Each structure stands twice: as structure tokens, then as C-alpha cells.
Amino acid sequence: MRYFLMQEDQLLGTLDSYDSDFPWVYCHFEAQPAFEQIRPLFEKELAIRPLSGENVDAWNKAYGVIAALKLRFIDETGKRFMADVYPEDLPPLIHVQDDKAWFR
């Protein structure tokens, strides 16, 4: 399945799923030029991501900056991904590292 990472009407990247492990969907990520402006936010978020319960407050703050961007996913049909699950103001959680992305 192919997804498009959007910010308003601007395409940030294309995600081609290759695996899933509920609730996560794993994708190859092809960044578009507009993504490069926000890539450092994702790099920072991953650098402090809590793996054992540490740094939760710092991670929440870092991811809060990403969440404030109001990113959204559009599927191949042009519809917002999982609109019935994720309200417009609560985007799915996404991590991006180089040419890989995973989200839920």
C-alpha cells in the first residue's frame, strides 16, 4: 500500500508499506524536498525516544513539535488514512529514519 505524508496541500514524502506488526506499519520512505526542512525534528525525536521508560517527558516535548505540524496521511485512493480512527486533530504517530518510516 502507498501512503502520502502531507502537511496541508504540500507533499512531504511517499511511504510504500512492506511490513506490519500491529499496530505499526513499516514503510520505505521517499522524502520530497519539503521534508528536508522538518527532517531534523524527526532525527531529534528518534535520538531521545524512550526505550525503557526514560526521557519520556523530553520525548513528549520533541514529538509535540512534530504533532503540531498537523501532518496527515493520504492513501492511494486520495482519502485520509484511518479517518474513522484518528480525528483530524490527532494524527497517527510516525517515526522517520533515513529512507525508512514506521507509523501507527
N, C-alpha and C. Protein backbone atom coordinates (compact mmCIF):
# COMPACT_ATOMS: atom_id res chain seq x y z
N MET A 1 0.85 -1.17 0.00
CA MET A 1 0.00 0.00 0.00
C MET A 1 0.89 1.23 0.00
N ARG A 2 0.49 2.25 -0.69
CA ARG A 2 1.22 3.50 -0.76
C ARG A 2 0.45 4.58 0.00
N TYR A 3 1.20 5.37 0.76
CA TYR A 3 0.64 6.48 1.50
C TYR A 3 1.44 7.74 1.15
N PHE A 4 0.80 8.88 1.35
CA PHE A 4 1.44 10.15 1.09
C PHE A 4 1.41 10.96 2.37
N LEU A 5 2.58 11.38 2.84
CA LEU A 5 2.68 12.20 4.03
C LEU A 5 2.52 13.65 3.61
N MET A 6 1.52 14.30 4.17
CA MET A 6 1.15 15.64 3.75
C MET A 6 1.20 16.62 4.93
N GLN A 7 1.45 17.87 4.59
CA GLN A 7 1.23 18.98 5.52
C GLN A 7 0.42 20.00 4.72
N GLU A 8 -0.83 20.13 5.09
CA GLU A 8 -1.80 20.88 4.30
C GLU A 8 -1.82 20.28 2.90
N ASP A 9 -1.55 21.07 1.86
CA ASP A 9 -1.55 20.54 0.50
C ASP A 9 -0.15 20.22 -0.01
N GLN A 10 0.82 20.24 0.87
CA GLN A 10 2.20 20.02 0.46
C GLN A 10 2.62 18.57 0.73
N LEU A 11 3.13 17.92 -0.32
CA LEU A 11 3.62 16.55 -0.19
C LEU A 11 5.00 16.56 0.44
N LEU A 12 5.13 15.84 1.57
CA LEU A 12 6.40 15.75 2.26
C LEU A 12 7.16 14.47 1.91
N GLY A 13 6.41 13.41 1.62
CA GLY A 13 7.06 12.16 1.29
C GLY A 13 6.07 11.09 0.92
N THR A 14 6.60 10.05 0.29
CA THR A 14 5.81 8.89 -0.12
C THR A 14 6.26 7.70 0.71
N LEU A 15 5.28 6.95 1.21
CA LEU A 15 5.55 5.78 2.03
C LEU A 15 4.99 4.55 1.34
N ASP A 16 5.84 3.57 1.09
CA ASP A 16 5.41 2.30 0.50
C ASP A 16 5.56 1.23 1.57
N SER A 17 4.44 0.70 2.03
CA SER A 17 4.50 -0.28 3.11
C SER A 17 5.08 -1.59 2.63
N TYR A 18 5.88 -2.20 3.51
CA TYR A 18 6.47 -3.50 3.20
C TYR A 18 6.25 -4.51 4.31
N ASP A 19 5.78 -4.06 5.48
CA ASP A 19 5.55 -4.99 6.59
C ASP A 19 4.65 -4.31 7.61
N SER A 20 4.05 -5.11 8.46
CA SER A 20 3.28 -4.56 9.56
C SER A 20 3.39 -5.51 10.74
N ASP A 21 3.32 -4.94 11.90
CA ASP A 21 3.31 -5.66 13.16
C ASP A 21 2.40 -4.84 14.06
N PHE A 22 1.12 -5.21 14.07
CA PHE A 22 0.09 -4.40 14.72
C PHE A 22 0.60 -3.82 16.02
N PRO A 23 0.48 -2.53 16.19
CA PRO A 23 -0.23 -1.54 15.36
C PRO A 23 0.66 -0.83 14.36
N TRP A 24 1.92 -1.23 14.21
CA TRP A 24 2.86 -0.50 13.39
C TRP A 24 2.81 -0.93 11.93
N VAL A 25 2.97 0.04 11.03
CA VAL A 25 3.11 -0.20 9.59
C VAL A 25 4.50 0.30 9.23
N TYR A 26 5.29 -0.56 8.60
CA TYR A 26 6.67 -0.24 8.22
C TYR A 26 6.73 0.07 6.73
N CYS A 27 7.45 1.13 6.39
CA CYS A 27 7.46 1.63 5.01
C CYS A 27 8.84 2.04 4.55
N HIS A 28 9.03 1.97 3.25
CA HIS A 28 10.15 2.67 2.60
C HIS A 28 9.68 4.11 2.45
N PHE A 29 10.54 5.05 2.77
CA PHE A 29 10.18 6.46 2.76
C PHE A 29 10.98 7.20 1.70
N GLU A 30 10.28 7.87 0.81
CA GLU A 30 10.93 8.71 -0.19
C GLU A 30 10.58 10.16 0.13
N ALA A 31 11.55 10.85 0.70
CA ALA A 31 11.34 12.24 1.10
C ALA A 31 11.27 13.14 -0.13
N GLN A 32 10.43 14.13 -0.05
CA GLN A 32 10.35 15.18 -1.05
C GLN A 32 11.12 16.39 -0.52
N PRO A 33 11.48 17.33 -1.37
CA PRO A 33 12.28 18.48 -0.90
C PRO A 33 11.68 19.19 0.31
N ALA A 34 10.38 19.29 0.40
CA ALA A 34 9.75 19.98 1.52
C ALA A 34 10.01 19.29 2.86
N PHE A 35 10.28 17.99 2.83
CA PHE A 35 10.52 17.25 4.07
C PHE A 35 11.84 17.66 4.72
N GLU A 36 12.79 18.07 3.91
CA GLU A 36 14.13 18.37 4.43
C GLU A 36 14.10 19.47 5.49
N GLN A 37 13.13 20.35 5.42
CA GLN A 37 13.01 21.42 6.42
C GLN A 37 12.64 20.88 7.79
N ILE A 38 11.93 19.75 7.84
CA ILE A 38 11.49 19.21 9.12
C ILE A 38 12.23 17.93 9.51
N ARG A 39 13.09 17.42 8.65
CA ARG A 39 13.83 16.20 8.97
C ARG A 39 14.54 16.28 10.32
N PRO A 40 15.17 17.42 10.67
CA PRO A 40 15.85 17.49 11.97
C PRO A 40 14.92 17.22 13.16
N LEU A 41 13.64 17.54 13.04
CA LEU A 41 12.70 17.26 14.12
C LEU A 41 12.57 15.76 14.34
N PHE A 42 12.52 15.00 13.25
CA PHE A 42 12.41 13.55 13.34
C PHE A 42 13.71 12.94 13.86
N GLU A 43 14.83 13.49 13.45
CA GLU A 43 16.11 12.99 13.94
C GLU A 43 16.23 13.21 15.45
N LYS A 44 15.82 14.37 15.92
CA LYS A 44 15.87 14.66 17.36
C LYS A 44 14.93 13.73 18.11
N GLU A 45 13.73 13.56 17.59
CA GLU A 45 12.74 12.69 18.25
C GLU A 45 13.27 11.28 18.41
N LEU A 46 13.88 10.73 17.37
CA LEU A 46 14.42 9.37 17.45
C LEU A 46 15.60 9.29 18.41
N ALA A 47 16.41 10.34 18.47
CA ALA A 47 17.58 10.33 19.34
C ALA A 47 17.21 10.24 20.81
N ILE A 48 16.05 10.76 21.18
CA ILE A 48 15.66 10.74 22.60
C ILE A 48 14.48 9.83 22.88
N ARG A 49 14.05 9.07 21.86
CA ARG A 49 12.90 8.18 22.04
C ARG A 49 13.14 7.25 23.22
N PRO A 50 12.20 7.22 24.15
CA PRO A 50 12.38 6.36 25.34
C PRO A 50 12.16 4.90 24.98
N LEU A 51 13.15 4.07 25.29
CA LEU A 51 13.02 2.64 25.04
C LEU A 51 12.78 1.87 26.33
N SER A 52 13.10 2.49 27.45
CA SER A 52 12.91 1.79 28.72
C SER A 52 12.24 2.68 29.76
N GLY A 53 11.43 3.62 29.30
CA GLY A 53 10.71 4.49 30.22
C GLY A 53 11.48 5.74 30.61
N GLU A 54 12.71 5.88 30.13
CA GLU A 54 13.50 7.08 30.43
C GLU A 54 13.18 8.16 29.40
N ASN A 55 13.42 9.39 29.77
CA ASN A 55 13.28 10.54 28.85
C ASN A 55 11.87 10.72 28.29
N VAL A 56 10.88 10.21 28.95
CA VAL A 56 9.52 10.30 28.42
C VAL A 56 9.09 11.76 28.26
N ASP A 57 9.39 12.58 29.24
CA ASP A 57 8.99 13.99 29.15
C ASP A 57 9.70 14.70 28.01
N ALA A 58 11.00 14.43 27.85
CA ALA A 58 11.75 15.06 26.75
C ALA A 58 11.23 14.58 25.41
N TRP A 59 10.91 13.30 25.31
CA TRP A 59 10.39 12.78 24.05
C TRP A 59 9.02 13.39 23.76
N ASN A 60 8.15 13.46 24.76
CA ASN A 60 6.83 14.06 24.55
C ASN A 60 6.96 15.49 24.03
N LYS A 61 7.90 16.23 24.56
CA LYS A 61 8.10 17.60 24.10
C LYS A 61 8.59 17.61 22.65
N ALA A 62 9.56 16.75 22.33
CA ALA A 62 10.10 16.70 20.96
C ALA A 62 9.02 16.24 19.97
N TYR A 63 8.26 15.23 20.34
CA TYR A 63 7.23 14.76 19.42
C TYR A 63 6.07 15.76 19.34
N GLY A 64 5.86 16.51 20.40
CA GLY A 64 4.82 17.54 20.37
C GLY A 64 5.05 18.56 19.28
N VAL A 65 6.32 18.86 19.00
CA VAL A 65 6.65 19.79 17.91
C VAL A 65 6.23 19.17 16.58
N ILE A 66 6.48 17.87 16.41
CA ILE A 66 6.07 17.19 15.18
C ILE A 66 4.55 17.14 15.09
N ALA A 67 3.90 16.80 16.17
CA ALA A 67 2.43 16.72 16.17
C ALA A 67 1.80 18.07 15.83
N ALA A 68 2.45 19.15 16.24
CA ALA A 68 1.92 20.49 15.97
C ALA A 68 1.94 20.83 14.48
N LEU A 69 2.71 20.07 13.70
CA LEU A 69 2.76 20.31 12.25
C LEU A 69 1.48 19.87 11.55
N LYS A 70 0.64 19.11 12.27
CA LYS A 70 -0.64 18.62 11.74
C LYS A 70 -0.43 17.83 10.45
N LEU A 71 0.52 16.89 10.52
CA LEU A 71 0.76 16.01 9.39
C LEU A 71 -0.42 15.07 9.22
N ARG A 72 -0.61 14.61 8.01
CA ARG A 72 -1.69 13.64 7.77
C ARG A 72 -1.26 12.70 6.66
N PHE A 73 -1.89 11.57 6.64
CA PHE A 73 -1.62 10.57 5.62
C PHE A 73 -2.79 10.50 4.67
N ILE A 74 -2.48 10.39 3.40
CA ILE A 74 -3.49 10.17 2.38
C ILE A 74 -3.16 8.82 1.76
N ASP A 75 -4.17 7.99 1.57
CA ASP A 75 -3.90 6.69 0.94
C ASP A 75 -4.00 6.81 -0.58
N GLU A 76 -3.80 5.69 -1.25
CA GLU A 76 -3.79 5.70 -2.72
C GLU A 76 -5.11 6.18 -3.33
N THR A 77 -6.19 6.08 -2.58
CA THR A 77 -7.49 6.50 -3.11
C THR A 77 -7.72 8.00 -2.94
N GLY A 78 -6.80 8.68 -2.24
CA GLY A 78 -6.95 10.11 -2.00
C GLY A 78 -7.70 10.44 -0.74
N LYS A 79 -8.00 9.42 0.07
CA LYS A 79 -8.71 9.64 1.34
C LYS A 79 -7.72 9.69 2.49
N ARG A 80 -8.10 10.42 3.51
CA ARG A 80 -7.25 10.50 4.70
C ARG A 80 -7.19 9.14 5.36
N PHE A 81 -6.00 8.67 5.64
CA PHE A 81 -5.76 7.36 6.22
C PHE A 81 -6.42 7.26 7.59
N MET A 82 -7.21 6.23 7.77
CA MET A 82 -7.86 5.89 9.03
C MET A 82 -8.61 7.06 9.64
N ALA A 83 -9.34 7.79 8.83
CA ALA A 83 -10.11 8.94 9.32
C ALA A 83 -11.11 8.53 10.38
N ASP A 84 -11.56 7.28 10.34
CA ASP A 84 -12.51 6.82 11.34
C ASP A 84 -11.85 6.54 12.69
N VAL A 85 -10.53 6.37 12.70
CA VAL A 85 -9.81 6.09 13.94
C VAL A 85 -9.12 7.33 14.48
N TYR A 86 -8.51 8.09 13.59
CA TYR A 86 -7.76 9.27 14.00
C TYR A 86 -8.54 10.53 13.67
N PRO A 87 -9.00 11.25 14.69
CA PRO A 87 -9.66 12.53 14.41
C PRO A 87 -8.68 13.47 13.71
N GLU A 88 -9.20 14.46 13.05
CA GLU A 88 -8.37 15.40 12.27
C GLU A 88 -7.27 16.02 13.12
N ASP A 89 -7.52 16.25 14.40
CA ASP A 89 -6.52 16.91 15.24
C ASP A 89 -5.59 15.91 15.95
N LEU A 90 -5.70 14.62 15.65
CA LEU A 90 -4.84 13.62 16.27
C LEU A 90 -4.24 12.73 15.19
N PRO A 91 -3.10 13.16 14.62
CA PRO A 91 -2.50 12.37 13.54
C PRO A 91 -1.88 11.10 14.09
N PRO A 92 -1.70 10.10 13.22
CA PRO A 92 -1.00 8.89 13.65
C PRO A 92 0.43 9.22 14.08
N LEU A 93 0.98 8.41 14.93
CA LEU A 93 2.36 8.54 15.37
C LEU A 93 3.27 8.03 14.27
N ILE A 94 4.27 8.83 13.89
CA ILE A 94 5.19 8.44 12.82
C ILE A 94 6.63 8.71 13.23
N HIS A 95 7.51 7.78 12.85
CA HIS A 95 8.94 7.94 13.01
C HIS A 95 9.55 7.84 11.61
N VAL A 96 10.56 8.66 11.34
CA VAL A 96 11.26 8.62 10.06
C VAL A 96 12.75 8.56 10.35
N GLN A 97 13.40 7.59 9.73
CA GLN A 97 14.85 7.46 9.85
C GLN A 97 15.42 7.13 8.48
N ASP A 98 16.11 8.10 7.91
CA ASP A 98 16.70 7.95 6.58
C ASP A 98 15.60 7.61 5.57
N ASP A 99 15.67 6.44 4.94
CA ASP A 99 14.67 6.08 3.94
C ASP A 99 13.64 5.07 4.46
N LYS A 100 13.50 5.01 5.79
CA LYS A 100 12.50 4.13 6.42
C LYS A 100 11.57 4.97 7.28
N ALA A 101 10.35 4.52 7.40
CA ALA A 101 9.38 5.17 8.28
C ALA A 101 8.49 4.10 8.86
N TRP A 102 7.99 4.34 10.05
CA TRP A 102 7.01 3.45 10.62
C TRP A 102 6.01 4.30 11.39
N PHE A 103 4.76 3.88 11.30
CA PHE A 103 3.70 4.67 11.91
C PHE A 103 2.59 3.76 12.41
N ARG A 104 1.77 4.35 13.26
CA ARG A 104 0.57 3.68 13.75
C ARG A 104 -0.52 4.70 13.90
